[in-house]
Amino acid sequence: MPILESCQSIIKTGKTTTEQALKLFDALEPVNLEFMLGCWQGSGIHTDHSMDGFLEASNWYGKEFISTEKVHPLLFLDSKGKIFKVAPNPTAMDWVLKLPILKKNYLKPLLTLANSLLKTEKSQARLRMMEYRGKISATMIYDYLPINDSFRKVDENTVLGIMDYKNSPQPFFFVLKRCS
């Protein structure tokens, strides 16, 4: 199956294996910093990662790249559908990886409340060109977490992202679609 068809199938189902996601990621072309600027709506790709379902359960919206120095890596929706920015929390990340109960939909109100307590307008990441898996591409570097998100181009308005978190041996995959 050609790469684009395989990618569209994975994006549509939101599910694949880590091996297949890595194969797809490696086959896609890199993106430059300018390509990533703007607002992006996200969705997770389930690969049996401990974070599968967490972003959806916590009402994650996506990411915003204002400039290479000003990035909001975590945008969420409040109960009225309004977007707000959240400061990533190292302790919360560790809990997410260890406590699968946090991904249950019945906890959505609690997760929304927790996110609202971490609201910020301050940039929480930056964007750089970095090598990852043999290609140099735009990469988001969190300010306060050992996480790099690398991006590869699916099409002019879609990227496949991979979260490389120092505390997790398995990468986490997600898709970003440019906001209209």
C-alpha atoms as a PDB file:
ATOM      1  CA  MET A   1       0.000   0.000   0.000  1.00  0.00           C
ATOM      2  CA  PRO A   2       1.441   3.423  -0.944  1.00  0.00           C
ATOM      3  CA  ILE A   3       2.574   5.634   1.940  1.00  0.00           C
ATOM      4  CA  LEU A   4      -0.165   8.267   1.598  1.00  0.00           C
ATOM      5  CA  GLU A   5      -2.940   5.640   1.535  1.00  0.00           C
ATOM      6  CA  SER A   6      -1.432   3.892   4.545  1.00  0.00           C
ATOM      7  CA  CYS A   7      -1.155   7.206   6.384  1.00  0.00           C
ATOM      8  CA  GLN A   8      -4.747   8.221   5.597  1.00  0.00           C
ATOM      9  CA  SER A   9      -5.970   4.828   6.803  1.00  0.00           C
ATOM     10  CA  ILE A  10      -4.101   5.159  10.110  1.00  0.00           C
ATOM     11  CA  ILE A  11      -5.340   8.733  10.593  1.00  0.00           C
ATOM     12  CA  LYS A  12      -8.928   7.677   9.850  1.00  0.00           C
ATOM     13  CA  THR A  13      -8.915   4.759  12.301  1.00  0.00           C
ATOM     14  CA  GLY A  14      -6.661   6.488  14.833  1.00  0.00           C
ATOM     15  CA  LYS A  15      -5.064   3.138  15.514  1.00  0.00           C
ATOM     16  CA  THR A  16      -2.016   1.099  14.451  1.00  0.00           C
ATOM     17  CA  THR A  17       1.013  -0.632  15.901  1.00  0.00           C
ATOM     18  CA  THR A  18       4.131   1.203  17.080  1.00  0.00           C
ATOM     19  CA  GLU A  19       6.101  -0.648  14.407  1.00  0.00           C
ATOM     20  CA  GLN A  20       3.737   0.498  11.626  1.00  0.00           C
ATOM     21  CA  ALA A  21       3.607   4.065  12.967  1.00  0.00           C
ATOM     22  CA  LEU A  22       7.419   4.232  13.029  1.00  0.00           C
ATOM     23  CA  LYS A  23       7.608   2.847   9.485  1.00  0.00           C
ATOM     24  CA  LEU A  24       5.140   5.483   8.298  1.00  0.00           C
ATOM     25  CA  PHE A  25       6.860   8.291  10.229  1.00  0.00           C
ATOM     26  CA  ASP A  26      10.225   7.333   8.725  1.00  0.00           C
ATOM     27  CA  ALA A  27       8.771   7.351   5.181  1.00  0.00           C
ATOM     28  CA  LEU A  28       7.278  10.857   5.477  1.00  0.00           C
ATOM     29  CA  GLU A  29       9.122  14.024   4.497  1.00  0.00           C
ATOM     30  CA  PRO A  30      10.434  16.498   7.069  1.00  0.00           C
ATOM     31  CA  VAL A  31       8.883  19.940   7.566  1.00  0.00           C
ATOM     32  CA  ASN A  32      10.587  23.274   8.180  1.00  0.00           C
ATOM     33  CA  LEU A  33       9.900  25.729  11.005  1.00  0.00           C
ATOM     34  CA  GLU A  34       7.739  28.072   8.912  1.00  0.00           C
ATOM     35  CA  PHE A  35       5.470  25.183   7.893  1.00  0.00           C
ATOM     36  CA  MET A  36       4.565  24.582  11.559  1.00  0.00           C
ATOM     37  CA  LEU A  37       3.599  28.170  12.413  1.00  0.00           C
ATOM     38  CA  GLY A  38      -0.055  28.636  13.293  1.00  0.00           C
ATOM     39  CA  CYS A  39      -2.729  26.743  15.193  1.00  0.00           C
ATOM     40  CA  TRP A  40      -3.086  22.966  14.842  1.00  0.00           C
ATOM     41  CA  GLN A  41      -5.887  20.664  15.984  1.00  0.00           C
ATOM     42  CA  GLY A  42      -4.702  17.311  17.268  1.00  0.00           C
ATOM     43  CA  SER A  43      -5.768  13.718  17.758  1.00  0.00           C
ATOM     44  CA  GLY A  44      -3.944  10.737  19.194  1.00  0.00           C
ATOM     45  CA  ILE A  45      -2.913   7.623  17.289  1.00  0.00           C
ATOM     46  CA  HIS A  46      -3.435   4.573  19.507  1.00  0.00           C
ATOM     47  CA  THR A  47      -0.480   2.158  19.487  1.00  0.00           C
ATOM     48  CA  ASP A  48      -0.929   0.490  22.900  1.00  0.00           C
ATOM     49  CA  HIS A  49       1.009   3.342  24.511  1.00  0.00           C
ATOM     50  CA  SER A  50       0.256   4.186  28.135  1.00  0.00           C
ATOM     51  CA  MET A  51      -0.974   7.635  26.977  1.00  0.00           C
ATOM     52  CA  ASP A  52      -3.509   6.255  24.471  1.00  0.00           C
ATOM     53  CA  GLY A  53      -6.835   7.970  25.127  1.00  0.00           C
ATOM     54  CA  PHE A  54      -5.535  10.420  27.714  1.00  0.00           C
ATOM     55  CA  LEU A  55      -5.493  13.469  25.450  1.00  0.00           C
ATOM     56  CA  GLU A  56      -9.031  12.763  24.280  1.00  0.00           C
ATOM     57  CA  ALA A  57     -10.249  12.215  27.860  1.00  0.00           C
ATOM     58  CA  SER A  58      -8.721  15.518  28.945  1.00  0.00           C
ATOM     59  CA  ASN A  59     -10.319  17.518  26.084  1.00  0.00           C
ATOM     60  CA  TRP A  60      -7.055  18.208  24.267  1.00  0.00           C
ATOM     61  CA  TYR A  61      -7.474  20.543  21.304  1.00  0.00           C
ATOM     62  CA  GLY A  62      -3.967  20.810  19.839  1.00  0.00           C
ATOM     63  CA  LYS A  63      -0.902  23.068  19.646  1.00  0.00           C
ATOM     64  CA  GLU A  64      -0.116  26.645  18.655  1.00  0.00           C
ATOM     65  CA  PHE A  65       3.175  27.770  17.120  1.00  0.00           C
ATOM     66  CA  ILE A  66       3.300  31.575  17.244  1.00  0.00           C
ATOM     67  CA  SER A  67       7.036  31.796  16.492  1.00  0.00           C
ATOM     68  CA  THR A  68      10.084  29.602  16.982  1.00  0.00           C
ATOM     69  CA  GLU A  69      10.433  31.006  20.524  1.00  0.00           C
ATOM     70  CA  LYS A  70       6.757  31.166  21.483  1.00  0.00           C
ATOM     71  CA  VAL A  71       4.922  27.835  21.411  1.00  0.00           C
ATOM     72  CA  HIS A  72       1.842  26.648  23.303  1.00  0.00           C
ATOM     73  CA  PRO A  73       2.176  22.835  23.270  1.00  0.00           C
ATOM     74  CA  LEU A  74      -1.056  22.084  25.091  1.00  0.00           C
ATOM     75  CA  LEU A  75      -4.327  23.674  24.008  1.00  0.00           C
ATOM     76  CA  PHE A  76      -7.522  22.352  25.587  1.00  0.00           C
ATOM     77  CA  LEU A  77     -11.239  23.060  25.289  1.00  0.00           C
ATOM     78  CA  ASP A  78     -13.266  24.171  28.292  1.00  0.00           C
ATOM     79  CA  SER A  79     -16.854  23.032  28.909  1.00  0.00           C
ATOM     80  CA  LYS A  80     -18.123  25.810  26.615  1.00  0.00           C
ATOM     81  CA  GLY A  81     -15.805  24.883  23.740  1.00  0.00           C
ATOM     82  CA  LYS A  82     -13.386  27.778  24.309  1.00  0.00           C
ATOM     83  CA  ILE A  83      -9.671  27.086  23.784  1.00  0.00           C
ATOM     84  CA  PHE A  84      -7.247  27.683  26.643  1.00  0.00           C
ATOM     85  CA  LYS A  85      -3.507  27.097  27.075  1.00  0.00           C
ATOM     86  CA  VAL A  86      -2.048  24.800  29.742  1.00  0.00           C
ATOM     87  CA  ALA A  87       1.394  24.644  31.335  1.00  0.00           C
ATOM     88  CA  PRO A  88       2.710  21.059  31.126  1.00  0.00           C
ATOM     89  CA  ASN A  89       3.277  19.485  34.522  1.00  0.00           C
ATOM     90  CA  PRO A  90       6.060  16.901  35.086  1.00  0.00           C
ATOM     91  CA  THR A  91       4.214  15.199  37.962  1.00  0.00           C
ATOM     92  CA  ALA A  92       1.027  14.915  35.912  1.00  0.00           C
ATOM     93  CA  MET A  93       2.985  13.343  33.030  1.00  0.00           C
ATOM     94  CA  ASP A  94       4.377  10.681  35.353  1.00  0.00           C
ATOM     95  CA  TRP A  95       0.861   9.928  36.679  1.00  0.00           C
ATOM     96  CA  VAL A  96      -0.512   9.590  33.154  1.00  0.00           C
ATOM     97  CA  LEU A  97       2.120   6.988  32.324  1.00  0.00           C
ATOM     98  CA  LYS A  98       1.533   4.999  35.513  1.00  0.00           C
ATOM     99  CA  LEU A  99      -2.222   5.259  36.156  1.00  0.00           C
ATOM    100  CA  PRO A 100      -4.372   3.981  33.266  1.00  0.00           C
ATOM    101  CA  ILE A 101      -7.539   4.979  35.190  1.00  0.00           C
ATOM    102  CA  LEU A 102      -6.774   8.619  34.299  1.00  0.00           C
ATOM    103  CA  LYS A 103      -7.830   7.888  30.704  1.00  0.00           C
ATOM    104  CA  LYS A 104     -11.398   6.914  31.550  1.00  0.00           C
ATOM    105  CA  ASN A 105     -14.095   9.168  30.096  1.00  0.00           C
ATOM    106  CA  TYR A 106     -15.949   9.434  33.401  1.00  0.00           C
ATOM    107  CA  LEU A 107     -12.906  11.344  34.713  1.00  0.00           C
ATOM    108  CA  LYS A 108     -13.236  13.971  31.961  1.00  0.00           C
ATOM    109  CA  PRO A 109     -14.751  16.621  34.314  1.00  0.00           C
ATOM    110  CA  LEU A 110     -11.912  16.078  36.805  1.00  0.00           C
ATOM    111  CA  LEU A 111      -9.265  16.307  34.068  1.00  0.00           C
ATOM    112  CA  THR A 112     -10.889  19.468  32.677  1.00  0.00           C
ATOM    113  CA  LEU A 113     -10.826  21.015  36.157  1.00  0.00           C
ATOM    114  CA  ALA A 114      -7.181  20.019  36.670  1.00  0.00           C
ATOM    115  CA  ASN A 115      -6.241  21.557  33.313  1.00  0.00           C
ATOM    116  CA  SER A 116      -8.078  24.769  34.160  1.00  0.00           C
ATOM    117  CA  LEU A 117      -5.835  25.103  37.239  1.00  0.00           C
ATOM    118  CA  LEU A 118      -2.762  24.979  34.983  1.00  0.00           C
ATOM    119  CA  LYS A 119      -3.920  27.739  32.593  1.00  0.00           C
ATOM    120  CA  THR A 120      -1.197  29.996  31.268  1.00  0.00           C
ATOM    121  CA  GLU A 121      -0.518  32.578  28.596  1.00  0.00           C
ATOM    122  CA  LYS A 122       3.243  32.027  28.885  1.00  0.00           C
ATOM    123  CA  SER A 123       5.011  30.107  26.149  1.00  0.00           C
ATOM    124  CA  GLN A 124       5.892  26.567  27.270  1.00  0.00           C
ATOM    125  CA  ALA A 125       8.047  25.330  24.375  1.00  0.00           C
ATOM    126  CA  ARG A 126      10.122  26.341  21.375  1.00  0.00           C
ATOM    127  CA  LEU A 127      10.584  25.089  17.840  1.00  0.00           C
ATOM    128  CA  ARG A 128      13.891  23.981  16.300  1.00  0.00           C
ATOM    129  CA  MET A 129      15.200  21.934  13.399  1.00  0.00           C
ATOM    130  CA  MET A 130      16.562  18.699  14.863  1.00  0.00           C
ATOM    131  CA  GLU A 131      17.575  15.279  13.650  1.00  0.00           C
ATOM    132  CA  TYR A 132      15.331  12.433  14.746  1.00  0.00           C
ATOM    133  CA  ARG A 133      15.282   8.961  13.189  1.00  0.00           C
ATOM    134  CA  GLY A 134      17.691  10.000  10.444  1.00  0.00           C
ATOM    135  CA  LYS A 135      15.977  13.165   9.170  1.00  0.00           C
ATOM    136  CA  ILE A 136      16.197  16.810  10.179  1.00  0.00           C
ATOM    137  CA  SER A 137      12.712  18.211  10.725  1.00  0.00           C
ATOM    138  CA  ALA A 138      10.819  20.778  12.808  1.00  0.00           C
ATOM    139  CA  THR A 139      10.802  19.672  16.441  1.00  0.00           C
ATOM    140  CA  MET A 140       8.997  21.169  19.430  1.00  0.00           C
ATOM    141  CA  ILE A 141      11.080  21.197  22.611  1.00  0.00           C
ATOM    142  CA  TYR A 142       9.207  21.540  25.906  1.00  0.00           C
ATOM    143  CA  ASP A 143      10.682  24.105  28.302  1.00  0.00           C
ATOM    144  CA  TYR A 144      10.141  22.087  31.504  1.00  0.00           C
ATOM    145  CA  LEU A 145       9.798  18.459  30.410  1.00  0.00           C
ATOM    146  CA  PRO A 146      12.276  16.039  28.810  1.00  0.00           C
ATOM    147  CA  ILE A 147      10.056  15.805  25.719  1.00  0.00           C
ATOM    148  CA  ASN A 148      10.660  16.541  22.053  1.00  0.00           C
ATOM    149  CA  ASP A 149       7.817  16.346  19.528  1.00  0.00           C
ATOM    150  CA  SER A 150       9.094  15.770  15.980  1.00  0.00           C
ATOM    151  CA  PHE A 151       6.911  16.333  12.937  1.00  0.00           C
ATOM    152  CA  ARG A 152       6.703  14.873   9.420  1.00  0.00           C
ATOM    153  CA  LYS A 153       4.505  16.028   6.547  1.00  0.00           C
ATOM    154  CA  VAL A 154       1.443  14.054   5.516  1.00  0.00           C
ATOM    155  CA  ASP A 155       0.114  16.853   3.283  1.00  0.00           C
ATOM    156  CA  GLU A 156       0.009  20.674   3.220  1.00  0.00           C
ATOM    157  CA  ASN A 157      -2.327  20.779   6.235  1.00  0.00           C
ATOM    158  CA  THR A 158      -1.476  17.610   8.172  1.00  0.00           C
ATOM    159  CA  VAL A 159       1.550  16.340  10.071  1.00  0.00           C
ATOM    160  CA  LEU A 160       2.287  13.130  11.907  1.00  0.00           C
ATOM    161  CA  GLY A 161       3.898  13.857  15.261  1.00  0.00           C
ATOM    162  CA  ILE A 162       5.924  11.615  17.515  1.00  0.00           C
ATOM    163  CA  MET A 163       6.461  12.412  21.180  1.00  0.00           C
ATOM    164  CA  ASP A 164       9.885  11.310  22.373  1.00  0.00           C
ATOM    165  CA  TYR A 165       9.670  11.371  26.189  1.00  0.00           C
ATOM    166  CA  LYS A 166      12.825  10.516  28.120  1.00  0.00           C
ATOM    167  CA  ASN A 167      10.799   8.664  30.793  1.00  0.00           C
ATOM    168  CA  SER A 168       8.969   6.415  28.329  1.00  0.00           C
ATOM    169  CA  PRO A 169      10.696   3.804  26.153  1.00  0.00           C
ATOM    170  CA  GLN A 170       7.794   3.762  23.665  1.00  0.00           C
ATOM    171  CA  PRO A 171       7.071   6.809  21.474  1.00  0.00           C
ATOM    172  CA  PHE A 172       3.590   8.343  21.455  1.00  0.00           C
ATOM    173  CA  PHE A 173       2.043   9.256  18.082  1.00  0.00           C
ATOM    174  CA  PHE A 174      -0.443  11.986  17.183  1.00  0.00           C
ATOM    175  CA  VAL A 175      -1.769  13.858  14.172  1.00  0.00           C
ATOM    176  CA  LEU A 176      -2.027  17.619  13.809  1.00  0.00           C
ATOM    177  CA  LYS A 177      -4.306  19.265  11.257  1.00  0.00           C
ATOM    178  CA  ARG A 178      -3.925  22.952  10.476  1.00  0.00           C
ATOM    179  CA  CYS A 179      -6.786  25.034  11.899  1.00  0.00           C
ATOM    180  CA  SER A 180      -8.857  26.750   9.232  1.00  0.00           C
END
